[in-house]
Amino acid sequence: KRETGDKRVVCYYTNWSAYRPETVRFTRKNIDPHLCTHLLYAFGKPDVDTNSIVSVDVYQDYAKGGYREFNELKEKNPKLKTMISVGGWNEGSTRFSQIVSNSTSRAEFVNNSIAFVRSEHFDGIDLVWQYPTFREGSSPADKQNYADLIKVIILLNIQHRKKFKNLDH
């Protein structure tokens, strides 16, 4: 567990940085794993067909080894926590709104997110649903449905705490 007063330094890595011109290109190999306590990989997206997290860029994330190389940074700094950021400004609200619209899809999304985190060796997820209820594709019910999603995440966190040694961080 973290000591009181310990600070978190949370840093984002954007997978599209690898497409920049060579002089300003930034890949996983450029990341110093000792600068941050938590590294967030931007972005995954919610998939309404499977109620799960899917890659936004299969080529960068899988073919080029993005997820693997990113999470291998923990070998250089065992205290480092890595997370997948899901959503982002470009994602909008439509898919999130559909996923949180009922208890079944919320529970499936949380369980499938846990499976994704485990299979890709992340330590957690960062939900980046910007402005629920205020963006195109939103519903007025999103406010309560999003809160209900967070409740499911908290309950599963408590239930799975023993399975996930890193959840307290």
Protein backbone atom coordinates (compact mmCIF):
# COMPACT_ATOMS: atom_id res chain seq x y z
CA LYS A 1 0.00 0.00 0.00
CA ARG A 2 1.08 3.56 -0.65
CA GLU A 3 2.41 5.59 2.25
CA THR A 4 0.45 8.70 3.19
CA GLY A 5 2.05 11.60 1.38
CA ASP A 6 3.37 9.52 -1.51
CA LYS A 7 2.59 11.26 -4.73
CA ARG A 8 1.52 9.76 -8.01
CA VAL A 9 3.09 11.01 -11.19
CA VAL A 10 0.74 9.93 -13.96
CA CYS A 11 1.98 10.13 -17.55
CA TYR A 12 0.21 9.42 -20.83
CA TYR A 13 1.77 7.73 -23.83
CA THR A 14 -0.11 8.25 -27.09
CA ASN A 15 0.38 5.39 -29.51
CA TRP A 16 0.01 7.73 -32.49
CA SER A 17 3.26 9.44 -31.46
CA ALA A 18 5.02 6.65 -33.33
CA TYR A 19 3.66 8.09 -36.60
CA ARG A 20 5.24 11.52 -36.16
CA PRO A 21 8.06 12.61 -38.48
CA GLU A 22 11.31 11.00 -37.42
CA THR A 23 12.78 14.06 -35.69
CA VAL A 24 9.84 14.21 -33.26
CA ARG A 25 8.75 10.55 -33.25
CA PHE A 26 8.17 9.06 -29.82
CA THR A 27 7.83 5.32 -29.27
CA ARG A 28 7.70 3.04 -26.24
CA LYS A 29 11.48 2.77 -26.45
CA ASN A 30 11.76 6.50 -25.71
CA ILE A 31 9.91 6.24 -22.39
CA ASP A 32 11.97 6.54 -19.21
CA PRO A 33 10.10 4.17 -16.86
CA HIS A 34 11.51 5.94 -13.79
CA LEU A 35 9.94 9.36 -14.46
CA CYS A 36 6.38 8.36 -13.58
CA THR A 37 4.65 6.16 -11.02
CA HIS A 38 1.84 5.35 -13.47
CA LEU A 39 2.02 5.16 -17.27
CA LEU A 40 -1.21 5.29 -19.24
CA TYR A 41 -1.43 3.96 -22.79
CA ALA A 42 -3.77 6.06 -24.92
CA PHE A 43 -6.14 4.79 -26.20
CA GLY A 44 -8.28 1.72 -26.29
CA LYS A 45 -11.95 2.04 -27.13
CA PRO A 46 -15.14 0.48 -25.85
CA ASP A 47 -16.69 -2.08 -28.21
CA VAL A 48 -20.49 -2.35 -28.01
CA ASP A 49 -20.66 -5.68 -29.85
CA THR A 50 -18.57 -7.44 -27.21
CA ASN A 51 -18.87 -5.01 -24.26
CA SER A 52 -15.11 -4.97 -24.02
CA ILE A 53 -12.01 -2.89 -24.68
CA VAL A 54 -10.51 -3.12 -28.16
CA SER A 55 -7.48 -1.60 -29.81
CA VAL A 56 -7.83 1.68 -31.69
CA ASP A 57 -4.74 0.84 -33.77
CA VAL A 58 -4.20 -2.90 -34.18
CA TYR A 59 -1.03 -2.33 -36.21
CA GLN A 60 0.67 -0.20 -33.54
CA ASP A 61 -0.72 -2.02 -30.51
CA TYR A 62 -0.23 -5.61 -31.67
CA ALA A 63 1.78 -5.94 -34.90
CA LYS A 64 4.40 -3.41 -33.74
CA GLY A 65 4.29 -4.73 -30.17
CA GLY A 66 2.90 -1.59 -28.55
CA TYR A 67 1.15 -3.19 -25.59
CA ARG A 68 3.97 -5.69 -25.04
CA GLU A 69 6.80 -3.13 -25.19
CA PHE A 70 4.86 -0.70 -23.02
CA ASN A 71 4.27 -3.26 -20.28
CA GLU A 72 7.84 -4.56 -20.49
CA LEU A 73 8.85 -1.20 -19.03
CA LYS A 74 7.84 -2.70 -15.66
CA GLU A 75 10.89 -4.95 -15.94
CA LYS A 76 13.07 -1.83 -15.72
CA ASN A 77 11.00 -0.35 -12.89
CA PRO A 78 9.06 -2.99 -10.92
CA LYS A 79 7.18 -0.27 -9.00
CA LEU A 80 5.74 1.17 -12.22
CA LYS A 81 2.00 0.72 -12.81
CA THR A 82 0.67 0.63 -16.37
CA MET A 83 -2.90 1.25 -17.41
CA ILE A 84 -4.90 1.30 -20.61
CA SER A 85 -6.80 4.54 -21.16
CA VAL A 86 -10.18 3.84 -22.71
CA GLY A 87 -12.00 6.55 -24.62
CA GLY A 88 -10.58 10.02 -25.11
CA TRP A 89 -11.92 13.10 -26.84
CA ASN A 90 -12.19 11.49 -30.27
CA GLU A 91 -14.18 8.57 -28.87
CA GLY A 92 -17.20 10.67 -27.98
CA SER A 93 -20.12 9.27 -26.01
CA THR A 94 -22.10 6.92 -28.24
CA ARG A 95 -20.36 3.63 -27.40
CA PHE A 96 -19.92 4.44 -23.71
CA SER A 97 -23.59 5.43 -23.50
CA GLN A 98 -24.68 2.12 -25.05
CA ILE A 99 -22.42 0.05 -22.78
CA VAL A 100 -23.60 1.67 -19.54
CA SER A 101 -27.28 1.66 -20.56
CA ASN A 102 -28.15 -1.52 -18.65
CA SER A 103 -26.79 -3.62 -15.80
CA THR A 104 -25.96 -6.61 -18.00
CA SER A 105 -23.75 -4.71 -20.44
CA ARG A 106 -22.11 -2.79 -17.56
CA ALA A 107 -21.18 -6.02 -15.79
CA GLU A 108 -19.96 -7.60 -19.05
CA PHE A 109 -17.84 -4.53 -19.80
CA VAL A 110 -16.21 -4.62 -16.37
CA ASN A 111 -15.54 -8.37 -16.51
CA ASN A 112 -14.22 -8.15 -20.07
CA SER A 113 -12.07 -5.15 -19.10
CA ILE A 114 -10.52 -7.21 -16.32
CA ALA A 115 -9.82 -9.98 -18.84
CA PHE A 116 -8.25 -7.44 -21.24
CA VAL A 117 -6.06 -5.95 -18.51
CA ARG A 118 -4.84 -9.39 -17.48
CA SER A 119 -4.23 -10.67 -21.02
CA GLU A 120 -2.29 -7.57 -22.07
CA HIS A 121 -0.43 -7.27 -18.73
CA PHE A 122 -1.75 -3.85 -17.70
CA ASP A 123 -2.36 -3.04 -14.04
CA GLY A 124 -5.68 -1.27 -14.58
CA ILE A 125 -7.85 0.95 -16.75
CA ASP A 126 -8.35 4.68 -16.99
CA LEU A 127 -11.84 5.58 -18.21
CA VAL A 128 -11.73 8.73 -20.32
CA TRP A 129 -15.38 9.34 -21.10
CA GLN A 130 -15.35 13.07 -21.58
CA TYR A 131 -18.57 14.85 -20.73
CA PRO A 132 -21.17 12.10 -20.31
CA THR A 133 -24.67 13.49 -21.02
CA PHE A 134 -23.26 16.55 -22.84
CA ARG A 135 -21.89 15.16 -26.09
CA GLU A 136 -23.53 13.82 -29.21
CA GLY A 137 -24.60 10.23 -28.66
CA SER A 138 -25.23 10.80 -24.95
CA SER A 139 -28.39 10.19 -23.00
CA PRO A 140 -29.61 12.09 -19.92
CA ALA A 141 -29.52 8.70 -18.16
CA ASP A 142 -25.73 8.53 -18.66
CA LYS A 143 -25.08 10.41 -15.42
CA GLN A 144 -26.66 7.67 -13.30
CA ASN A 145 -25.55 4.84 -15.60
CA TYR A 146 -21.91 6.00 -15.40
CA ALA A 147 -22.17 6.13 -11.60
CA ASP A 148 -23.60 2.60 -11.69
CA LEU A 149 -20.65 1.47 -13.84
CA ILE A 150 -18.23 2.85 -11.26
CA LYS A 151 -20.12 1.01 -8.49
CA VAL A 152 -19.69 -2.27 -10.40
CA ILE A 153 -15.98 -1.54 -10.83
CA ILE A 154 -15.61 -0.88 -7.09
CA LEU A 155 -17.49 -4.06 -6.15
CA LEU A 156 -15.42 -6.19 -8.50
CA ASN A 157 -12.25 -4.50 -7.24
CA ILE A 158 -13.16 -5.61 -3.71
CA GLN A 159 -14.09 -9.14 -4.84
CA HIS A 160 -10.93 -9.60 -6.93
CA ARG A 161 -8.47 -7.82 -4.63
CA LYS A 162 -6.73 -11.08 -3.76
CA LYS A 163 -6.38 -12.00 -7.44
CA PHE A 164 -4.91 -8.64 -8.42
CA LYS A 165 -1.99 -7.77 -6.17
CA ASN A 166 -1.63 -4.29 -7.74
CA LEU A 167 -5.16 -2.95 -7.21
CA ASP A 168 -4.24 -0.95 -4.11
CA HIS A 169 -1.83 1.20 -6.05
